[in-house]
Amino acid sequence: MRARHRRTIAEALHLLCGRPALGARERDILAIVVFSLRAIYAGVEQSASAWDRRHYYLKAEGLRRDWAWTKRYGDRLTRLLVSGDWVEVPRVLAELAVRFADIRVTKVTRSESFWTGAYDRLLADGRAGDDSGGQGGST
């Protein structure tokens, strides 16, 4: 699941690269990035909890530490999208792109319908800018 969501984010970053403006389509793509980051975080937490139950606490904490950035970036992008801070978005995407440099995108495998309406779902989600934890996934 992590690999699938990482691929989704890499494709989204590829599509957003070099866009001069952020229109409705780009906001939808950015929302998919948020949902994918949330899904990665939720999956990591689920895996780490399983390690905790087996008393592999160091392994669980290492996993959480290695992937904690997904929650931070998911929360940060959510706040930017909800507040409409479009000036900061490219800077965050550039930081995020480093995390996906190992994924080569030669062809976009997600269809346009995959992104459509994601921004509206993000706004309706009710967790805009939520820093309390509990990140689930919608993708």
N, C-alpha and C. Protein backbone atom coordinates (compact mmCIF):
# COMPACT_ATOMS: atom_id res chain seq x y z
N MET A 1 0.82 -1.20 0.00
CA MET A 1 0.00 0.00 0.00
C MET A 1 0.86 1.27 0.00
N ARG A 2 1.94 1.23 0.80
CA ARG A 2 2.82 2.41 0.81
C ARG A 2 3.38 2.70 -0.57
N ALA A 3 3.79 1.65 -1.26
CA ALA A 3 4.36 1.82 -2.60
C ALA A 3 3.34 2.42 -3.56
N ARG A 4 2.09 1.98 -3.46
CA ARG A 4 1.03 2.50 -4.33
C ARG A 4 0.80 3.99 -4.06
N HIS A 5 0.75 4.35 -2.80
CA HIS A 5 0.52 5.76 -2.45
C HIS A 5 1.74 6.62 -2.79
N ARG A 6 2.93 6.06 -2.62
CA ARG A 6 4.13 6.80 -3.02
C ARG A 6 4.11 7.06 -4.53
N ARG A 7 3.70 6.07 -5.29
CA ARG A 7 3.61 6.24 -6.75
C ARG A 7 2.59 7.32 -7.10
N THR A 8 1.46 7.31 -6.42
CA THR A 8 0.43 8.34 -6.64
C THR A 8 1.00 9.73 -6.40
N ILE A 9 1.73 9.89 -5.30
CA ILE A 9 2.31 11.20 -4.98
C ILE A 9 3.36 11.58 -6.02
N ALA A 10 4.19 10.64 -6.42
CA ALA A 10 5.22 10.92 -7.43
C ALA A 10 4.57 11.38 -8.74
N GLU A 11 3.49 10.72 -9.14
CA GLU A 11 2.80 11.13 -10.35
C GLU A 11 2.19 12.52 -10.19
N ALA A 12 1.64 12.80 -9.02
CA ALA A 12 1.05 14.11 -8.76
C ALA A 12 2.13 15.19 -8.84
N LEU A 13 3.27 14.94 -8.22
CA LEU A 13 4.36 15.91 -8.28
C LEU A 13 4.84 16.11 -9.71
N HIS A 14 4.88 15.04 -10.48
CA HIS A 14 5.25 15.13 -11.89
C HIS A 14 4.27 16.02 -12.66
N LEU A 15 2.98 15.85 -12.40
CA LEU A 15 1.96 16.65 -13.08
C LEU A 15 2.02 18.12 -12.66
N LEU A 16 2.37 18.37 -11.42
CA LEU A 16 2.38 19.73 -10.90
C LEU A 16 3.67 20.48 -11.23
N CYS A 17 4.70 19.76 -11.59
CA CYS A 17 6.00 20.37 -11.87
C CYS A 17 5.88 21.39 -13.00
N GLY A 18 6.32 22.58 -12.73
CA GLY A 18 6.35 23.62 -13.75
C GLY A 18 5.02 24.28 -14.04
N ARG A 19 4.00 23.99 -13.27
CA ARG A 19 2.71 24.66 -13.48
C ARG A 19 2.83 26.12 -13.06
N PRO A 20 2.46 27.04 -13.94
CA PRO A 20 2.59 28.45 -13.59
C PRO A 20 1.53 28.92 -12.59
N ALA A 21 0.39 28.23 -12.55
CA ALA A 21 -0.69 28.65 -11.64
C ALA A 21 -1.38 27.41 -11.10
N LEU A 22 -2.06 27.58 -9.99
CA LEU A 22 -2.79 26.49 -9.39
C LEU A 22 -4.28 26.70 -9.59
N GLY A 23 -4.83 25.99 -10.56
CA GLY A 23 -6.25 26.06 -10.83
C GLY A 23 -6.99 24.92 -10.14
N ALA A 24 -8.22 24.69 -10.57
CA ALA A 24 -9.06 23.66 -9.95
C ALA A 24 -8.43 22.27 -10.08
N ARG A 25 -7.89 21.96 -11.26
CA ARG A 25 -7.29 20.64 -11.47
C ARG A 25 -6.09 20.44 -10.54
N GLU A 26 -5.27 21.46 -10.41
CA GLU A 26 -4.08 21.37 -9.56
C GLU A 26 -4.46 21.26 -8.08
N ARG A 27 -5.52 21.96 -7.67
CA ARG A 27 -5.99 21.82 -6.28
C ARG A 27 -6.46 20.40 -6.01
N ASP A 28 -7.13 19.79 -6.99
CA ASP A 28 -7.56 18.39 -6.84
C ASP A 28 -6.35 17.46 -6.71
N ILE A 29 -5.34 17.70 -7.53
CA ILE A 29 -4.14 16.86 -7.48
C ILE A 29 -3.44 17.04 -6.13
N LEU A 30 -3.36 18.26 -5.64
CA LEU A 30 -2.75 18.50 -4.33
C LEU A 30 -3.53 17.81 -3.22
N ALA A 31 -4.83 17.80 -3.32
CA ALA A 31 -5.65 17.12 -2.31
C ALA A 31 -5.38 15.61 -2.32
N ILE A 32 -5.17 15.05 -3.51
CA ILE A 32 -4.82 13.62 -3.60
C ILE A 32 -3.49 13.36 -2.91
N VAL A 33 -2.55 14.29 -3.03
CA VAL A 33 -1.27 14.16 -2.33
C VAL A 33 -1.53 14.09 -0.82
N VAL A 34 -2.38 14.96 -0.32
CA VAL A 34 -2.72 14.96 1.11
C VAL A 34 -3.33 13.62 1.51
N PHE A 35 -4.31 13.15 0.75
CA PHE A 35 -4.96 11.88 1.09
C PHE A 35 -3.96 10.72 1.04
N SER A 36 -3.05 10.74 0.11
CA SER A 36 -2.05 9.68 0.01
C SER A 36 -1.07 9.74 1.19
N LEU A 37 -0.66 10.93 1.57
CA LEU A 37 0.22 11.07 2.74
C LEU A 37 -0.48 10.57 4.00
N ARG A 38 -1.75 10.89 4.14
CA ARG A 38 -2.53 10.40 5.28
C ARG A 38 -2.62 8.88 5.28
N ALA A 39 -2.82 8.31 4.11
CA ALA A 39 -2.94 6.86 4.00
C ALA A 39 -1.62 6.18 4.34
N ILE A 40 -0.51 6.76 3.91
CA ILE A 40 0.80 6.20 4.25
C ILE A 40 0.98 6.24 5.76
N TYR A 41 0.68 7.37 6.37
CA TYR A 41 0.82 7.52 7.81
C TYR A 41 -0.05 6.50 8.56
N ALA A 42 -1.28 6.35 8.13
CA ALA A 42 -2.19 5.40 8.78
C ALA A 42 -1.66 3.97 8.64
N GLY A 43 -1.14 3.63 7.48
CA GLY A 43 -0.59 2.29 7.27
C GLY A 43 0.64 2.04 8.12
N VAL A 44 1.48 3.03 8.26
CA VAL A 44 2.67 2.91 9.10
C VAL A 44 2.25 2.72 10.55
N GLU A 45 1.28 3.50 10.98
CA GLU A 45 0.79 3.37 12.36
C GLU A 45 0.19 1.99 12.61
N GLN A 46 -0.53 1.47 11.65
CA GLN A 46 -1.10 0.14 11.77
C GLN A 46 0.02 -0.92 11.87
N SER A 47 1.03 -0.81 11.04
CA SER A 47 2.16 -1.75 11.09
C SER A 47 2.92 -1.62 12.41
N ALA A 48 3.15 -0.39 12.84
CA ALA A 48 3.88 -0.17 14.09
C ALA A 48 3.09 -0.72 15.28
N SER A 49 1.80 -0.56 15.26
CA SER A 49 0.97 -1.10 16.33
C SER A 49 1.07 -2.62 16.40
N ALA A 50 1.14 -3.24 15.24
CA ALA A 50 1.31 -4.70 15.20
C ALA A 50 2.65 -5.09 15.81
N TRP A 51 3.70 -4.32 15.52
CA TRP A 51 5.01 -4.60 16.13
C TRP A 51 4.95 -4.37 17.63
N ASP A 52 4.23 -3.34 18.07
CA ASP A 52 4.07 -3.08 19.51
C ASP A 52 3.43 -4.28 20.21
N ARG A 53 2.39 -4.84 19.60
CA ARG A 53 1.69 -5.99 20.21
C ARG A 53 2.61 -7.19 20.36
N ARG A 54 3.63 -7.27 19.50
CA ARG A 54 4.60 -8.38 19.57
C ARG A 54 5.81 -8.00 20.44
N HIS A 55 5.72 -6.83 21.08
CA HIS A 55 6.78 -6.34 21.96
C HIS A 55 8.07 -6.00 21.22
N TYR A 56 7.96 -5.64 19.97
CA TYR A 56 9.10 -5.15 19.19
C TYR A 56 9.04 -3.62 19.18
N TYR A 57 9.20 -3.05 20.36
CA TYR A 57 9.01 -1.62 20.52
C TYR A 57 10.02 -0.78 19.73
N LEU A 58 11.26 -1.21 19.72
CA LEU A 58 12.28 -0.44 18.99
C LEU A 58 12.00 -0.45 17.49
N LYS A 59 11.59 -1.59 16.98
CA LYS A 59 11.26 -1.68 15.55
C LYS A 59 10.05 -0.79 15.23
N ALA A 60 9.05 -0.81 16.11
CA ALA A 60 7.84 0.00 15.91
C ALA A 60 8.18 1.49 15.93
N GLU A 61 8.99 1.90 16.90
CA GLU A 61 9.36 3.31 16.99
C GLU A 61 10.23 3.75 15.82
N GLY A 62 11.09 2.85 15.36
CA GLY A 62 11.91 3.16 14.19
C GLY A 62 11.05 3.39 12.95
N LEU A 63 10.04 2.54 12.78
CA LEU A 63 9.12 2.69 11.65
C LEU A 63 8.37 4.01 11.74
N ARG A 64 7.87 4.31 12.92
CA ARG A 64 7.15 5.58 13.11
C ARG A 64 8.07 6.78 12.84
N ARG A 65 9.28 6.71 13.33
CA ARG A 65 10.24 7.81 13.14
C ARG A 65 10.57 8.00 11.66
N ASP A 66 10.78 6.88 10.95
CA ASP A 66 11.15 6.96 9.54
C ASP A 66 10.05 7.57 8.67
N TRP A 67 8.81 7.42 9.08
CA TRP A 67 7.69 7.89 8.25
C TRP A 67 6.91 9.04 8.88
N ALA A 68 7.39 9.62 9.97
CA ALA A 68 6.69 10.73 10.63
C ALA A 68 6.51 11.93 9.70
N TRP A 69 7.41 12.09 8.75
CA TRP A 69 7.33 13.21 7.82
C TRP A 69 6.02 13.20 7.03
N THR A 70 5.42 12.02 6.82
CA THR A 70 4.18 11.97 6.04
C THR A 70 3.05 12.73 6.74
N LYS A 71 2.98 12.61 8.05
CA LYS A 71 1.96 13.35 8.80
C LYS A 71 2.25 14.84 8.77
N ARG A 72 3.52 15.20 8.99
CA ARG A 72 3.87 16.62 8.99
C ARG A 72 3.54 17.29 7.66
N TYR A 73 3.93 16.65 6.57
CA TYR A 73 3.66 17.23 5.25
C TYR A 73 2.17 17.19 4.92
N GLY A 74 1.48 16.14 5.31
CA GLY A 74 0.04 16.07 5.08
C GLY A 74 -0.69 17.20 5.79
N ASP A 75 -0.33 17.42 7.06
CA ASP A 75 -0.95 18.51 7.84
C ASP A 75 -0.60 19.88 7.26
N ARG A 76 0.66 20.03 6.88
CA ARG A 76 1.11 21.32 6.33
C ARG A 76 0.40 21.64 5.02
N LEU A 77 0.34 20.67 4.12
CA LEU A 77 -0.35 20.89 2.84
C LEU A 77 -1.84 21.14 3.05
N THR A 78 -2.43 20.44 4.00
CA THR A 78 -3.85 20.66 4.28
C THR A 78 -4.09 22.10 4.70
N ARG A 79 -3.27 22.58 5.63
CA ARG A 79 -3.43 23.97 6.09
C ARG A 79 -3.28 24.96 4.93
N LEU A 80 -2.28 24.72 4.07
CA LEU A 80 -2.06 25.62 2.94
C LEU A 80 -3.23 25.60 1.96
N LEU A 81 -3.75 24.41 1.69
CA LEU A 81 -4.86 24.30 0.74
C LEU A 81 -6.13 24.93 1.28
N VAL A 82 -6.41 24.71 2.54
CA VAL A 82 -7.63 25.25 3.13
C VAL A 82 -7.55 26.77 3.26
N SER A 83 -6.36 27.27 3.62
CA SER A 83 -6.22 28.72 3.79
C SER A 83 -6.00 29.44 2.47
N GLY A 84 -5.68 28.69 1.41
CA GLY A 84 -5.45 29.31 0.11
C GLY A 84 -4.09 29.98 0.00
N ASP A 85 -3.12 29.52 0.77
CA ASP A 85 -1.77 30.08 0.74
C ASP A 85 -0.99 29.47 -0.42
N TRP A 86 -1.32 29.92 -1.63
CA TRP A 86 -0.75 29.32 -2.85
C TRP A 86 0.71 29.68 -3.07
N VAL A 87 1.19 30.73 -2.42
CA VAL A 87 2.58 31.14 -2.57
C VAL A 87 3.51 30.11 -1.91
N GLU A 88 3.09 29.56 -0.81
CA GLU A 88 3.92 28.61 -0.05
C GLU A 88 3.88 27.19 -0.63
N VAL A 89 2.84 26.85 -1.38
CA VAL A 89 2.66 25.48 -1.90
C VAL A 89 3.85 25.01 -2.73
N PRO A 90 4.37 25.77 -3.69
CA PRO A 90 5.51 25.28 -4.47
C PRO A 90 6.75 24.96 -3.62
N ARG A 91 6.95 25.74 -2.59
CA ARG A 91 8.09 25.50 -1.70
C ARG A 91 7.93 24.15 -0.98
N VAL A 92 6.74 23.87 -0.52
CA VAL A 92 6.46 22.61 0.17
C VAL A 92 6.58 21.44 -0.81
N LEU A 93 6.08 21.63 -2.02
CA LEU A 93 6.19 20.57 -3.03
C LEU A 93 7.64 20.27 -3.38
N ALA A 94 8.47 21.30 -3.42
CA ALA A 94 9.90 21.09 -3.69
C ALA A 94 10.55 20.28 -2.57
N GLU A 95 10.20 20.57 -1.34
CA GLU A 95 10.71 19.80 -0.21
C GLU A 95 10.23 18.35 -0.27
N LEU A 96 8.98 18.20 -0.62
CA LEU A 96 8.37 16.87 -0.69
C LEU A 96 8.95 16.04 -1.83
N ALA A 97 9.28 16.69 -2.92
CA ALA A 97 9.80 15.98 -4.10
C ALA A 97 11.07 15.21 -3.80
N VAL A 98 11.86 15.69 -2.87
CA VAL A 98 13.10 15.01 -2.49
C VAL A 98 12.78 13.60 -1.96
N ARG A 99 11.67 13.47 -1.27
CA ARG A 99 11.28 12.18 -0.69
C ARG A 99 10.85 11.16 -1.76
N PHE A 100 10.60 11.64 -2.97
CA PHE A 100 10.11 10.77 -4.04
C PHE A 100 11.05 10.72 -5.24
N ALA A 101 12.27 11.17 -5.04
CA ALA A 101 13.24 11.21 -6.12
C ALA A 101 13.59 9.82 -6.65
N ASP A 102 13.37 8.81 -5.83
CA ASP A 102 13.68 7.43 -6.25
C ASP A 102 12.63 6.83 -7.17
N ILE A 103 11.51 7.50 -7.34
CA ILE A 103 10.44 7.00 -8.20
C ILE A 103 10.48 7.74 -9.53
N ARG A 104 10.72 7.00 -10.58
CA ARG A 104 10.79 7.59 -11.92
C ARG A 104 9.42 7.52 -12.58
N VAL A 105 8.91 8.67 -12.98
CA VAL A 105 7.60 8.73 -13.63
C VAL A 105 7.83 9.02 -15.11
N THR A 106 7.62 8.01 -15.93
CA THR A 106 7.70 8.21 -17.38
C THR A 106 6.32 8.25 -17.99
N LYS A 107 5.37 7.70 -17.27
CA LYS A 107 3.99 7.67 -17.74
C LYS A 107 3.08 7.80 -16.53
N VAL A 108 2.07 8.66 -16.66
CA VAL A 108 1.10 8.83 -15.58
C VAL A 108 0.05 7.74 -15.72
N THR A 109 -0.09 6.94 -14.67
CA THR A 109 -1.02 5.81 -14.73
C THR A 109 -2.37 6.12 -14.11
N ARG A 110 -2.48 7.23 -13.41
CA ARG A 110 -3.75 7.61 -12.80
C ARG A 110 -4.55 8.44 -13.81
N SER A 111 -5.83 8.13 -13.95
CA SER A 111 -6.66 8.88 -14.89
C SER A 111 -7.13 10.19 -14.26
N GLU A 112 -7.58 11.08 -15.09
CA GLU A 112 -8.09 12.38 -14.65
C GLU A 112 -9.20 12.22 -13.61
N SER A 113 -10.04 11.20 -13.77
CA SER A 113 -11.15 11.00 -12.84
C SER A 113 -10.65 10.65 -11.43
N PHE A 114 -9.44 10.15 -11.32
CA PHE A 114 -8.85 9.82 -10.02
C PHE A 114 -8.71 11.06 -9.16
N TRP A 115 -8.35 12.21 -9.78
CA TRP A 115 -8.12 13.43 -9.03
C TRP A 115 -9.41 14.24 -8.83
N THR A 116 -10.32 14.14 -9.79
CA THR A 116 -11.48 15.02 -9.84
C THR A 116 -12.29 15.00 -8.54
N GLY A 117 -12.52 16.20 -8.00
CA GLY A 117 -13.33 16.35 -6.80
C GLY A 117 -12.58 16.17 -5.49
N ALA A 118 -11.30 15.87 -5.54
CA ALA A 118 -10.53 15.60 -4.32
C ALA A 118 -10.43 16.84 -3.42
N TYR A 119 -10.29 18.00 -4.03
CA TYR A 119 -10.17 19.23 -3.23
C TYR A 119 -11.46 19.48 -2.44
N ASP A 120 -12.60 19.28 -3.07
CA ASP A 120 -13.87 19.44 -2.36
C ASP A 120 -14.01 18.43 -1.24
N ARG A 121 -13.54 17.20 -1.47
CA ARG A 121 -13.56 16.17 -0.41
C ARG A 121 -12.65 16.57 0.75
N LEU A 122 -11.51 17.18 0.42
CA LEU A 122 -10.60 17.62 1.46
C LEU A 122 -11.24 18.72 2.31
N LEU A 123 -11.89 19.66 1.67
CA LEU A 123 -12.54 20.75 2.40
C LEU A 123 -13.68 20.22 3.27
N ALA A 124 -14.39 19.21 2.78
CA ALA A 124 -15.51 18.63 3.52
C ALA A 124 -15.04 17.67 4.61
N ASP A 125 -13.78 17.28 4.56
CA ASP A 125 -13.22 16.28 5.47
C ASP A 125 -13.36 16.68 6.93
N GLY A 126 -13.21 17.96 7.23
CA GLY A 126 -13.34 18.41 8.60
C GLY A 126 -12.06 18.31 9.41
N ARG A 127 -10.98 17.79 8.81
CA ARG A 127 -9.71 17.67 9.52
C ARG A 127 -8.70 18.67 8.98
N ALA A 128 -9.17 19.73 8.39
CA ALA A 128 -8.28 20.72 7.79
C ALA A 128 -7.37 21.30 8.84
N GLY A 129 -6.07 21.04 8.67
CA GLY A 129 -5.08 21.58 9.59
C GLY A 129 -5.06 20.89 10.93
N ASP A 130 -5.69 19.74 11.06
CA ASP A 130 -5.74 19.01 12.31
C ASP A 130 -4.37 18.47 12.66
N ASP A 131 -3.86 18.86 13.80
CA ASP A 131 -2.55 18.39 14.25
C ASP A 131 -2.67 17.36 15.35
N SER A 132 -3.84 16.83 15.59
CA SER A 132 -4.04 15.96 16.75
C SER A 132 -3.70 14.51 16.49
N GLY A 133 -3.39 14.13 15.26
CA GLY A 133 -3.10 12.72 14.97
C GLY A 133 -4.18 12.16 14.10
N GLY A 134 -4.55 10.90 14.29
CA GLY A 134 -5.68 10.26 13.63
C GLY A 134 -5.80 10.53 12.16
N GLN A 135 -4.78 10.32 11.39
CA GLN A 135 -4.84 10.55 9.96
C GLN A 135 -5.27 9.28 9.26
N GLY A 136 -6.37 9.33 8.58
CA GLY A 136 -6.82 8.18 7.80
C GLY A 136 -6.54 8.40 6.35
N GLY A 137 -7.04 7.53 5.51
CA GLY A 137 -6.81 7.68 4.08
C GLY A 137 -8.11 7.60 3.32
N SER A 138 -8.21 8.36 2.27
CA SER A 138 -9.41 8.33 1.44
C SER A 138 -9.17 7.70 0.10
N THR A 139 -7.92 7.33 -0.18
CA THR A 139 -7.62 6.74 -1.47
C THR A 139 -7.33 5.29 -1.35
